Amino acid sequence: MEHVARPWAALWSLVIGFFMILIDTTIVSVANPRIMEGLNADINSVIWVTSAYLLAYAVPLLITGRLGDRFGPKKLYLAGLAVFTLASLWCGLSGDVQTLIEARILQGLGAAMMTPQTMAVITRIFPPDRRGAAMGIWGATAGVATLVGPILGGVLVDGLGWEWIFFINIPVGIAGFFLALRYVPALSTHPHKFDIPGVLLSALGLFLLVFGIQEGETYNWGTITGPITVWGLIIGGVVVLAAFVAWQRFNKGEPLLPLGLFKDRNFSLANVGITTVGFTVTAFGLPLIFYYQVVRGLTPTQSALMMIPMAVISGALAPVVGRIIDRVDPKFITAAGLTLMSAALFWNATLMHPDTPIWLFLLPSAVLGFANAGIWAPLSSTATRNLPPRLAGAGSGVYNTTRQIGAVLGSAAIAVLIQARLAAELPAAPGGAGKAEPMAFGGKLPEALHEGFSNAMGQSIMLPAAVILLGAAVALFFAKPQQQTWGTPAAVPAEPGVPAVAADAEARRG
């Protein structure tokens, strides 16, 4: 651990940028119709505005986490924040959809540079027995940002125009840059050798896997071009990632991904848990927002405001939970939070009928707030508790990569399920045009089809409700954390090429 005079000031400085980049993973969803209209784009192009960002964000995370270990998390964070802020300006000034997609790719790369550094700094400046409170703030940021994105997006789009979902980042990014420059400490670096084959294999494997999953629905899970198919990309990605893991295992130098991290049971299980969270948080909003807007006729802003109880309760309670998990076994809080999330989603599914009083949906929204408060901080604290300083960036890179892959899986899976349930629940469209869909009626669904559409959305939301239960089951197998004090972290698995005793001694000296 490294002693820092003002660790909380450093944390809050990092939170500003972290909040901004997470909001940008969801804020564009409510602006898509306006972007289509303003840039005269088709729906596939507009989908790429989000897909390009998620792809550029997810693929480099392993690499940027390791770069933070090598060159210092502060330098990587500031460089990423500068790239992200300038890319946001480019996004807002884009005059056509192709330019906007290119700007979003740059924005995603900036986000990938920043994200692992936030967890790495927390891991290195807070001792394990006080890290829970810090992770509570980090967790509140992660949880609330994913919920606030659609709300803020709806308000900005309705009030100022779609460009302002990007322009809003500029003053925030500038303020965050100077705060981080002043308060985030320049932590010691570690002389890592850079694993070039590992970089190439991980980048290619993640690109093929994430691109295949993300674009599967766009190409109807078939041919993309010539002999290239969606499933070919996915299988190719899995094969390349398997080759990456094999290379990490037999690399005699210093691997990009220290497999010794996974000898820590809590780190491994927390990565499974955060994958289910990424899946669920990304997936459940789509059928819910569709129901609010298509069946109940709410505007984008009104439908996003239905999530306010969730955002307010989660933001208020997450820091409290962070302080509690420093004193109690976090596995019970985590399992309870994940179970509550599942219960709230199943509750939403039972309410999704055309004549349900709209205010009733505020109740499961509130339950989701309690659930979110009990998920993010305990999971991240469990994952990072035993990481030594030299592996903080690598560990946070892995953790954030699995979260993003879970999000991509959730996005793809819910799109497929919604389509399947609509085909099953809606009758044939007039004139024999096939199954009725909202877009077939100019975005307005005839009242006679409201019940079938509601059923399809309710059935779809049961998928993320079931997946998050897997995370709850995994959380019950967390090992009880050892009670630790400043300067005496628990022994951790050594990095390949670093003896266990040396790694533990280094952690104690940190």
Protein backbone atom coordinates (compact mmCIF):
# COMPACT_ATOMS: atom_id res chain seq x y z
CA MET A 1 0.00 0.00 0.00
CA GLU A 2 1.14 3.57 -0.63
CA HIS A 3 0.53 6.32 1.90
CA VAL A 4 -1.19 9.36 0.41
CA ALA A 5 -1.93 12.58 2.25
CA ARG A 6 -5.45 13.11 0.82
CA PRO A 7 -6.77 9.79 -0.49
CA TRP A 8 -10.42 10.90 -0.41
CA ALA A 9 -9.70 13.97 -2.54
CA ALA A 10 -7.99 11.66 -5.04
CA LEU A 11 -10.99 9.33 -5.03
CA TRP A 12 -13.53 12.08 -5.69
CA SER A 13 -11.37 13.48 -8.49
CA LEU A 14 -11.37 10.07 -10.19
CA VAL A 15 -15.10 9.58 -9.63
CA ILE A 16 -15.93 12.57 -11.84
CA GLY A 17 -14.32 11.05 -14.93
CA PHE A 18 -15.51 7.53 -14.14
CA PHE A 19 -19.11 8.75 -13.81
CA MET A 20 -18.87 10.55 -17.14
CA ILE A 21 -17.59 7.58 -19.14
CA LEU A 22 -20.15 5.19 -17.66
CA ILE A 23 -23.01 7.56 -18.46
CA ASP A 24 -21.88 7.54 -22.08
CA THR A 25 -22.51 3.79 -22.31
CA THR A 26 -26.27 4.38 -21.89
CA ILE A 27 -27.03 8.04 -22.61
CA VAL A 28 -27.11 7.63 -26.40
CA SER A 29 -29.95 5.08 -26.34
CA VAL A 30 -32.67 7.70 -25.82
CA ALA A 31 -31.13 10.00 -28.45
CA ASN A 32 -31.08 7.48 -31.32
CA PRO A 33 -34.33 8.67 -33.00
CA ARG A 34 -33.15 12.30 -32.93
CA ILE A 35 -29.71 11.35 -34.25
CA MET A 36 -31.38 9.44 -37.12
CA GLU A 37 -33.45 12.51 -37.94
CA GLY A 38 -30.67 15.07 -37.49
CA LEU A 39 -28.02 13.20 -39.50
CA ASN A 40 -30.39 11.58 -42.01
CA ALA A 41 -29.12 8.12 -41.01
CA ASP A 42 -30.66 4.66 -41.11
CA ILE A 43 -31.19 2.52 -38.02
CA ASN A 44 -28.19 0.24 -38.62
CA SER A 45 -25.86 3.24 -38.76
CA VAL A 46 -27.30 4.65 -35.55
CA ILE A 47 -26.89 1.30 -33.79
CA TRP A 48 -23.21 1.55 -34.68
CA VAL A 49 -22.97 4.85 -32.78
CA THR A 50 -23.36 2.82 -29.57
CA SER A 51 -21.73 -0.38 -30.82
CA ALA A 52 -18.53 1.37 -31.89
CA TYR A 53 -18.17 2.96 -28.44
CA LEU A 54 -18.75 -0.31 -26.57
CA LEU A 55 -16.37 -2.19 -28.84
CA ALA A 56 -13.57 0.38 -28.54
CA TYR A 57 -14.18 0.48 -24.77
CA ALA A 58 -14.14 -3.27 -24.11
CA VAL A 59 -11.31 -4.54 -26.30
CA PRO A 60 -8.29 -2.59 -24.89
CA LEU A 61 -9.14 -2.88 -21.15
CA LEU A 62 -6.66 -5.67 -20.40
CA ILE A 63 -3.91 -3.72 -22.15
CA THR A 64 -4.67 -0.31 -20.61
CA GLY A 65 -4.82 -1.86 -17.14
CA ARG A 66 -1.31 -3.20 -17.62
CA LEU A 67 -0.11 0.10 -19.09
CA GLY A 68 -1.23 1.78 -15.87
CA ASP A 69 1.02 -0.56 -13.89
CA ARG A 70 3.93 0.20 -16.21
CA PHE A 71 3.67 3.98 -16.71
CA GLY A 72 1.59 5.00 -13.71
CA PRO A 73 -2.22 5.12 -13.34
CA LYS A 74 -2.29 8.91 -13.06
CA LYS A 75 -0.61 9.43 -16.45
CA LEU A 76 -2.89 6.91 -18.17
CA TYR A 77 -6.00 8.37 -16.53
CA LEU A 78 -5.17 11.97 -17.51
CA ALA A 79 -4.30 10.96 -21.08
CA GLY A 80 -7.54 8.98 -21.37
CA LEU A 81 -9.60 11.85 -19.94
CA ALA A 82 -8.08 14.28 -22.45
CA VAL A 83 -8.82 11.90 -25.34
CA PHE A 84 -12.38 11.32 -24.10
CA THR A 85 -13.14 15.04 -23.69
CA LEU A 86 -11.78 16.00 -27.12
CA ALA A 87 -13.66 13.09 -28.70
CA SER A 88 -16.87 14.33 -27.04
CA LEU A 89 -16.40 17.70 -28.73
CA TRP A 90 -15.87 15.90 -32.06
CA CYS A 91 -19.06 13.86 -31.49
CA GLY A 92 -21.17 16.97 -30.90
CA LEU A 93 -19.79 18.69 -33.98
CA SER A 94 -20.27 15.69 -36.28
CA GLY A 95 -22.16 16.55 -39.46
CA ASP A 96 -22.81 12.99 -40.61
CA VAL A 97 -23.25 9.61 -38.95
CA GLN A 98 -19.93 8.20 -40.24
CA THR A 99 -18.01 11.01 -38.54
CA LEU A 100 -20.00 10.45 -35.35
CA ILE A 101 -19.11 6.73 -35.36
CA GLU A 102 -15.40 7.57 -35.79
CA ALA A 103 -15.57 10.04 -32.91
CA ARG A 104 -17.30 7.45 -30.71
CA ILE A 105 -14.46 4.98 -31.40
CA LEU A 106 -11.97 7.55 -30.12
CA GLN A 107 -14.23 8.22 -27.14
CA GLY A 108 -14.29 4.50 -26.31
CA LEU A 109 -10.49 4.31 -26.44
CA GLY A 110 -10.28 7.21 -23.99
CA ALA A 111 -12.72 5.47 -21.67
CA ALA A 112 -10.68 2.25 -21.85
CA MET A 113 -7.56 4.16 -20.79
CA MET A 114 -9.35 5.66 -17.77
CA THR A 115 -11.48 2.88 -16.29
CA PRO A 116 -8.86 0.41 -14.97
CA GLN A 117 -6.90 3.25 -13.37
CA THR A 118 -9.79 4.22 -11.07
CA MET A 119 -9.87 0.81 -9.37
CA ALA A 120 -6.08 0.52 -9.44
CA VAL A 121 -5.61 3.82 -7.58
CA ILE A 122 -8.21 2.88 -4.96
CA THR A 123 -6.51 -0.49 -4.46
CA ARG A 124 -3.14 1.17 -3.94
CA ILE A 125 -3.99 4.19 -1.75
CA PHE A 126 -6.58 2.66 0.60
CA PRO A 127 -5.69 -0.17 2.99
CA PRO A 128 -7.78 -3.35 2.68
CA ASP A 129 -9.63 -2.74 5.96
CA ARG A 130 -10.71 0.76 4.82
CA ARG A 131 -11.10 0.02 1.13
CA GLY A 132 -14.77 -0.92 1.46
CA ALA A 133 -15.82 2.69 2.12
CA ALA A 134 -13.83 3.86 -0.90
CA MET A 135 -15.29 1.11 -3.06
CA GLY A 136 -18.69 2.19 -1.77
CA ILE A 137 -18.20 5.54 -3.49
CA TRP A 138 -16.87 3.80 -6.60
CA GLY A 139 -19.80 1.39 -6.50
CA ALA A 140 -22.33 4.18 -6.07
CA THR A 141 -20.82 5.89 -9.10
CA ALA A 142 -20.98 2.74 -11.23
CA GLY A 143 -24.52 1.88 -10.15
CA VAL A 144 -26.02 5.36 -10.41
CA ALA A 145 -24.29 6.21 -13.70
CA THR A 146 -25.90 3.30 -15.52
CA LEU A 147 -29.29 4.52 -14.29
CA VAL A 148 -28.81 8.26 -14.70
CA GLY A 149 -27.64 7.98 -18.32
CA PRO A 150 -31.11 7.52 -19.85
CA ILE A 151 -32.63 10.18 -17.55
CA LEU A 152 -30.01 12.79 -18.37
CA GLY A 153 -30.11 11.82 -22.03
CA GLY A 154 -33.87 12.30 -22.22
CA VAL A 155 -33.71 15.74 -20.59
CA LEU A 156 -30.87 16.97 -22.79
CA VAL A 157 -32.34 15.61 -26.03
CA ASP A 158 -35.81 17.02 -25.34
CA GLY A 159 -34.47 20.38 -24.13
CA LEU A 160 -31.34 21.18 -26.15
CA GLY A 161 -30.83 18.59 -28.90
CA TRP A 162 -28.89 15.37 -29.30
CA GLU A 163 -25.53 17.15 -29.64
CA TRP A 164 -25.68 18.14 -25.98
CA ILE A 165 -25.38 14.58 -24.71
CA PHE A 166 -21.77 14.97 -25.90
CA PHE A 167 -21.17 18.69 -25.28
CA ILE A 168 -22.06 18.20 -21.60
CA ASN A 169 -18.87 16.15 -21.23
CA ILE A 170 -16.57 19.05 -22.13
CA PRO A 171 -16.85 21.21 -18.96
CA VAL A 172 -17.06 18.08 -16.81
CA GLY A 173 -13.96 16.62 -18.48
CA ILE A 174 -11.97 19.85 -18.07
CA ALA A 175 -12.89 20.12 -14.38
CA GLY A 176 -12.11 16.44 -13.83
CA PHE A 177 -8.71 16.80 -15.56
CA PHE A 178 -7.50 19.63 -13.32
CA LEU A 179 -8.85 18.00 -10.15
CA ALA A 180 -7.10 14.73 -11.00
CA LEU A 181 -3.92 16.61 -11.91
CA ARG A 182 -3.92 18.21 -8.47
CA TYR A 183 -5.21 15.48 -6.16
CA VAL A 184 -4.43 12.09 -7.71
CA PRO A 185 -0.97 11.00 -6.56
CA ALA A 186 1.78 9.94 -8.96
CA LEU A 187 2.14 6.38 -7.68
CA SER A 188 5.24 4.28 -8.15
CA THR A 189 5.53 2.27 -11.35
CA HIS A 190 6.74 -1.27 -11.87
CA PRO A 191 9.25 -2.18 -14.61
CA HIS A 192 7.08 -4.61 -16.53
CA LYS A 193 8.22 -6.17 -19.77
CA PHE A 194 5.50 -5.67 -22.35
CA ASP A 195 3.97 -8.87 -23.68
CA ILE A 196 3.55 -8.00 -27.40
CA PRO A 197 2.14 -11.43 -28.46
CA GLY A 198 -0.28 -11.26 -25.52
CA VAL A 199 -1.40 -7.76 -26.55
CA LEU A 200 -2.08 -8.86 -30.13
CA LEU A 201 -3.86 -12.10 -29.17
CA SER A 202 -6.04 -10.48 -26.49
CA ALA A 203 -7.00 -7.54 -28.72
CA LEU A 204 -7.85 -9.77 -31.70
CA GLY A 205 -9.73 -12.36 -29.61
CA LEU A 206 -11.81 -9.78 -27.73
CA PHE A 207 -12.54 -7.87 -30.94
CA LEU A 208 -13.80 -10.98 -32.76
CA LEU A 209 -15.88 -12.14 -29.78
CA VAL A 210 -17.38 -8.77 -28.84
CA PHE A 211 -18.00 -7.74 -32.46
CA GLY A 212 -19.69 -11.07 -33.25
CA ILE A 213 -21.96 -10.92 -30.21
CA GLN A 214 -22.71 -7.23 -30.57
CA GLU A 215 -23.57 -7.36 -34.28
CA GLY A 216 -25.23 -10.79 -34.35
CA GLU A 217 -28.74 -9.38 -34.37
CA THR A 218 -27.86 -6.81 -37.06
CA TYR A 219 -26.89 -9.63 -39.46
CA ASN A 220 -29.61 -12.02 -38.25
CA TRP A 221 -26.89 -14.32 -36.87
CA GLY A 222 -25.89 -15.21 -40.42
CA THR A 223 -23.44 -14.05 -43.08
CA ILE A 224 -21.68 -10.70 -42.70
CA THR A 225 -19.80 -10.73 -45.97
CA GLY A 226 -18.57 -13.53 -48.23
CA PRO A 227 -17.43 -16.49 -46.11
CA ILE A 228 -17.44 -14.44 -42.88
CA THR A 229 -20.37 -15.28 -40.60
CA VAL A 230 -21.39 -14.05 -37.15
CA TRP A 231 -20.83 -17.47 -35.60
CA GLY A 232 -17.48 -17.74 -37.38
CA LEU A 233 -16.36 -14.53 -35.70
CA ILE A 234 -17.57 -15.68 -32.27
CA ILE A 235 -15.95 -19.10 -32.53
CA GLY A 236 -12.79 -17.50 -33.92
CA GLY A 237 -12.72 -15.11 -30.98
CA VAL A 238 -13.04 -17.98 -28.48
CA VAL A 239 -10.22 -19.90 -30.22
CA VAL A 240 -7.91 -16.86 -30.24
CA LEU A 241 -8.66 -16.13 -26.57
CA ALA A 242 -7.88 -19.77 -25.74
CA ALA A 243 -4.55 -19.32 -27.54
CA PHE A 244 -4.03 -16.13 -25.51
CA VAL A 245 -4.59 -17.98 -22.21
CA ALA A 246 -2.24 -20.77 -23.33
CA TRP A 247 0.43 -18.20 -24.19
CA GLN A 248 -0.02 -16.56 -20.78
CA ARG A 249 0.43 -19.96 -19.15
CA PHE A 250 3.65 -20.86 -20.97
CA ASN A 251 5.15 -17.40 -21.41
CA LYS A 252 8.51 -17.55 -19.65
CA GLY A 253 8.79 -13.78 -19.45
CA GLU A 254 6.12 -11.53 -17.97
CA PRO A 255 2.59 -12.18 -19.27
CA LEU A 256 -0.02 -9.50 -19.96
CA LEU A 257 -2.54 -11.38 -17.81
CA PRO A 258 -0.97 -12.89 -14.68
CA LEU A 259 -2.95 -16.12 -14.30
CA GLY A 260 -1.89 -16.22 -10.66
CA LEU A 261 -4.62 -13.64 -10.03
CA PHE A 262 -7.20 -16.39 -10.45
CA LYS A 263 -5.67 -18.47 -7.65
CA ASP A 264 -7.46 -16.06 -5.35
CA ARG A 265 -10.95 -17.54 -5.04
CA ASN A 266 -12.65 -14.25 -4.32
CA PHE A 267 -11.10 -12.54 -7.34
CA SER A 268 -12.25 -15.35 -9.64
CA LEU A 269 -15.79 -15.52 -8.23
CA ALA A 270 -16.17 -11.72 -8.18
CA ASN A 271 -15.39 -11.68 -11.90
CA VAL A 272 -18.18 -14.20 -12.50
CA GLY A 273 -20.50 -12.08 -10.38
CA ILE A 274 -19.73 -8.80 -12.16
CA THR A 275 -20.31 -10.52 -15.51
CA THR A 276 -23.88 -11.36 -14.45
CA VAL A 277 -24.34 -7.78 -13.22
CA GLY A 278 -23.10 -6.32 -16.52
CA PHE A 279 -25.46 -8.66 -18.39
CA THR A 280 -28.49 -7.80 -16.27
CA VAL A 281 -28.05 -4.04 -15.96
CA THR A 282 -27.65 -3.74 -19.73
CA ALA A 283 -30.49 -6.12 -20.59
CA PHE A 284 -33.38 -5.19 -18.31
CA GLY A 285 -33.74 -1.56 -19.39
CA LEU A 286 -34.59 -2.28 -23.04
CA PRO A 287 -37.88 -4.20 -22.56
CA LEU A 288 -38.88 -1.89 -19.72
CA ILE A 289 -38.35 1.30 -21.74
CA PHE A 290 -40.10 -0.25 -24.76
CA TYR A 291 -43.11 -1.04 -22.56
CA TYR A 292 -43.21 2.48 -21.09
CA GLN A 293 -43.01 4.21 -24.48
CA VAL A 294 -44.85 1.86 -26.85
CA VAL A 295 -47.66 0.64 -24.59
CA ARG A 296 -48.01 3.43 -22.02
CA GLY A 297 -47.14 6.33 -24.35
CA LEU A 298 -44.50 7.93 -22.11
CA THR A 299 -41.91 10.28 -23.62
CA PRO A 300 -38.20 9.40 -23.39
CA THR A 301 -37.81 11.75 -20.43
CA GLN A 302 -40.93 10.43 -18.67
CA SER A 303 -39.92 6.80 -19.11
CA ALA A 304 -36.41 7.54 -17.82
CA LEU A 305 -37.86 9.34 -14.80
CA MET A 306 -39.51 6.06 -13.75
CA MET A 307 -36.00 5.00 -12.72
CA ILE A 308 -35.53 7.89 -10.28
CA PRO A 309 -36.32 5.83 -7.12
CA MET A 310 -33.68 3.35 -8.19
CA ALA A 311 -31.03 6.02 -8.80
CA VAL A 312 -31.74 8.03 -5.62
CA ILE A 313 -31.84 5.05 -3.24
CA SER A 314 -28.78 3.43 -4.80
CA GLY A 315 -26.75 6.63 -4.63
CA ALA A 316 -27.73 7.32 -1.03
CA LEU A 317 -27.11 3.82 0.33
CA ALA A 318 -24.01 2.68 -1.57
CA PRO A 319 -21.55 4.69 0.58
CA VAL A 320 -23.24 3.34 3.72
CA VAL A 321 -22.87 -0.20 2.44
CA GLY A 322 -19.23 0.56 1.68
CA ARG A 323 -18.57 1.39 5.32
CA ILE A 324 -20.43 -1.70 6.53
CA ILE A 325 -18.48 -4.16 4.39
CA ASP A 326 -15.25 -3.13 6.11
CA ARG A 327 -16.64 -4.76 9.27
CA VAL A 328 -18.77 -7.68 8.08
CA ASP A 329 -18.48 -10.51 5.58
CA PRO A 330 -19.50 -8.88 2.26
CA LYS A 331 -20.76 -12.10 0.69
CA PHE A 332 -24.11 -11.89 2.46
CA ILE A 333 -24.66 -8.27 1.39
CA THR A 334 -23.69 -9.14 -2.18
CA ALA A 335 -25.93 -12.21 -2.34
CA ALA A 336 -28.83 -10.24 -0.83
CA GLY A 337 -28.38 -7.38 -3.32
CA LEU A 338 -28.26 -9.72 -6.31
CA THR A 339 -31.31 -11.64 -5.08
CA LEU A 340 -33.23 -8.38 -4.54
CA MET A 341 -32.42 -7.33 -8.09
CA SER A 342 -33.82 -10.59 -9.43
CA ALA A 343 -36.95 -10.22 -7.29
CA ALA A 344 -37.52 -6.65 -8.49
CA LEU A 345 -37.21 -7.69 -12.15
CA PHE A 346 -39.62 -10.59 -11.74
CA TRP A 347 -41.99 -8.13 -10.01
CA ASN A 348 -41.73 -5.79 -13.00
CA ALA A 349 -42.55 -8.72 -15.30
CA THR A 350 -45.79 -9.46 -13.41
CA LEU A 351 -46.85 -5.79 -13.59
CA MET A 352 -46.33 -5.36 -17.34
CA HIS A 353 -49.93 -5.19 -18.59
CA PRO A 354 -51.64 -2.33 -20.46
CA ASP A 355 -53.93 -1.38 -17.55
CA THR A 356 -51.47 -1.54 -14.62
CA PRO A 357 -51.43 1.82 -12.74
CA ILE A 358 -48.14 3.39 -13.80
CA TRP A 359 -47.20 4.43 -10.24
CA LEU A 360 -46.92 0.78 -9.21
CA PHE A 361 -43.72 0.50 -11.26
CA LEU A 362 -42.06 2.92 -8.84
CA LEU A 363 -42.12 0.17 -6.17
CA PRO A 364 -39.88 -2.37 -7.95
CA SER A 365 -37.77 0.60 -9.07
CA ALA A 366 -37.18 1.38 -5.39
CA VAL A 367 -36.29 -2.26 -4.70
CA LEU A 368 -33.76 -2.08 -7.54
CA GLY A 369 -32.20 0.89 -5.73
CA PHE A 370 -31.67 -1.18 -2.57
CA ALA A 371 -30.31 -4.00 -4.74
CA ASN A 372 -27.81 -1.78 -6.57
CA ALA A 373 -26.51 -0.39 -3.29
CA GLY A 374 -25.67 -3.90 -2.12
CA ILE A 375 -23.94 -5.06 -5.30
CA TRP A 376 -21.27 -2.75 -6.70
CA ALA A 377 -19.14 -1.94 -3.65
CA PRO A 378 -19.10 -5.45 -2.10
CA LEU A 379 -18.25 -7.07 -5.44
CA SER A 380 -15.44 -4.65 -6.32
CA SER A 381 -14.03 -4.73 -2.78
CA THR A 382 -14.04 -8.54 -2.79
CA ALA A 383 -12.29 -8.63 -6.16
CA THR A 384 -9.50 -6.20 -5.24
CA ARG A 385 -8.97 -6.89 -1.53
CA ASN A 386 -5.98 -9.21 -1.96
CA LEU A 387 -4.40 -7.65 -5.06
CA PRO A 388 -0.74 -6.61 -4.58
CA PRO A 389 0.21 -3.12 -5.79
CA ARG A 390 2.16 -4.37 -8.82
CA LEU A 391 -0.93 -6.21 -10.12
CA ALA A 392 -3.59 -3.60 -9.27
CA GLY A 393 -3.87 -2.40 -12.88
CA ALA A 394 -3.93 -5.91 -14.33
CA GLY A 395 -6.60 -7.02 -11.86
CA SER A 396 -8.83 -4.01 -12.42
CA GLY A 397 -8.40 -4.43 -16.18
CA VAL A 398 -9.63 -8.03 -15.96
CA TYR A 399 -12.54 -7.05 -13.69
CA ASN A 400 -13.73 -4.26 -15.98
CA THR A 401 -13.26 -6.41 -19.08
CA THR A 402 -15.53 -9.13 -17.71
CA ARG A 403 -18.12 -6.49 -16.79
CA GLN A 404 -18.09 -5.13 -20.34
CA ILE A 405 -18.29 -8.60 -21.90
CA GLY A 406 -21.28 -9.29 -19.66
CA ALA A 407 -22.87 -6.06 -20.91
CA VAL A 408 -22.33 -7.05 -24.56
CA LEU A 409 -23.79 -10.51 -23.92
CA GLY A 410 -26.81 -8.93 -22.22
CA SER A 411 -27.37 -6.48 -25.07
CA ALA A 412 -27.25 -9.22 -27.71
CA ALA A 413 -29.30 -11.76 -25.76
CA ILE A 414 -32.13 -9.39 -24.87
CA ALA A 415 -32.43 -8.21 -28.50
CA VAL A 416 -32.82 -11.79 -29.71
CA LEU A 417 -35.32 -12.68 -26.97
CA ILE A 418 -37.46 -9.59 -27.54
CA GLN A 419 -37.71 -10.41 -31.23
CA ALA A 420 -38.64 -14.03 -30.49
CA ARG A 421 -41.30 -13.14 -27.91
CA LEU A 422 -42.84 -10.48 -30.17
CA ALA A 423 -43.11 -13.07 -32.95
CA ALA A 424 -44.85 -15.43 -30.53
CA GLU A 425 -47.19 -12.94 -28.82
CA LEU A 426 -48.30 -10.57 -31.59
CA PRO A 427 -50.74 -11.65 -34.30
CA ALA A 428 -49.98 -11.27 -38.00
CA ALA A 429 -49.90 -7.70 -39.23
CA PRO A 430 -52.68 -6.52 -41.54
CA GLY A 431 -52.23 -7.47 -45.20
CA GLY A 432 -50.18 -10.57 -44.47
CA ALA A 433 -47.02 -8.58 -43.80
CA GLY A 434 -45.87 -10.97 -41.10
CA LYS A 435 -45.84 -10.42 -37.36
CA ALA A 436 -46.84 -7.01 -36.13
CA GLU A 437 -44.09 -4.82 -34.77
CA PRO A 438 -44.14 -1.27 -33.33
CA MET A 439 -42.12 0.19 -36.19
CA ALA A 440 -44.65 -1.16 -38.70
CA PHE A 441 -47.13 1.41 -37.37
CA GLY A 442 -44.83 4.45 -37.40
CA GLY A 443 -43.78 3.74 -33.84
CA LYS A 444 -47.42 3.58 -32.61
CA LEU A 445 -48.90 0.22 -31.74
CA PRO A 446 -52.67 -0.33 -32.14
CA GLU A 447 -54.41 -0.74 -28.80
CA ALA A 448 -55.51 -4.26 -29.72
CA LEU A 449 -51.85 -5.33 -29.70
CA HIS A 450 -50.92 -3.74 -26.35
CA GLU A 451 -51.53 -6.88 -24.28
CA GLY A 452 -49.42 -9.09 -26.55
CA PHE A 453 -46.62 -6.54 -26.66
CA SER A 454 -46.70 -6.17 -22.87
CA ASN A 455 -46.53 -9.95 -22.44
CA ALA A 456 -43.52 -10.13 -24.76
CA MET A 457 -41.68 -7.45 -22.79
CA GLY A 458 -42.56 -9.06 -19.46
CA GLN A 459 -41.31 -12.44 -20.65
CA SER A 460 -38.10 -10.88 -21.97
CA ILE A 461 -37.25 -9.23 -18.67
CA MET A 462 -37.27 -12.65 -17.00
CA LEU A 463 -33.96 -13.50 -18.71
CA PRO A 464 -31.85 -10.92 -16.84
CA ALA A 465 -33.85 -11.74 -13.70
CA ALA A 466 -32.70 -15.35 -13.99
CA VAL A 467 -29.08 -14.54 -14.91
CA ILE A 468 -28.57 -12.33 -11.86
CA LEU A 469 -29.62 -15.25 -9.64
CA LEU A 470 -26.52 -17.07 -10.89
CA GLY A 471 -24.46 -14.18 -9.53
CA ALA A 472 -26.24 -14.48 -6.18
CA ALA A 473 -25.40 -18.18 -6.00
CA VAL A 474 -21.74 -17.48 -6.85
CA ALA A 475 -21.52 -14.82 -4.12
CA LEU A 476 -22.39 -17.37 -1.45
CA PHE A 477 -19.06 -19.11 -2.16
CA PHE A 478 -16.91 -16.05 -1.42
CA ALA A 479 -14.24 -16.80 1.19
CA LYS A 480 -14.47 -14.73 4.36
CA PRO A 481 -11.91 -11.90 4.06
CA GLN A 482 -9.11 -11.81 6.60
CA GLN A 483 -9.12 -8.91 9.01
CA GLN A 484 -6.23 -6.68 7.97
CA THR A 485 -4.67 -3.43 9.03
CA TRP A 486 -2.68 -0.78 7.21
CA GLY A 487 0.54 -2.16 5.84
CA THR A 488 -0.24 -5.84 6.44
CA PRO A 489 -2.23 -7.12 3.46
CA ALA A 490 -2.99 -10.79 3.12
CA ALA A 491 -0.62 -12.94 1.14
CA VAL A 492 -1.48 -12.93 -2.52
CA PRO A 493 -0.56 -15.19 -5.40
CA ALA A 494 2.68 -14.22 -7.03
CA GLU A 495 2.90 -13.04 -10.59
CA PRO A 496 4.54 -15.60 -12.86
CA GLY A 497 8.27 -14.98 -12.59
CA VAL A 498 7.91 -13.31 -9.16
CA PRO A 499 8.35 -15.61 -6.14
CA ALA A 500 5.43 -15.66 -3.73
CA VAL A 501 7.55 -14.50 -0.80
CA ALA A 502 8.93 -11.58 -2.81
CA ALA A 503 5.49 -10.55 -4.00
CA ASP A 504 4.13 -10.66 -0.46
CA ALA A 505 7.11 -8.72 0.85
CA GLU A 506 6.65 -6.07 -1.81
CA ALA A 507 2.99 -5.74 -0.86
CA ARG A 508 4.00 -5.19 2.76
CA ARG A 509 6.61 -2.59 1.83
CA GLY A 510 4.06 -0.74 -0.43
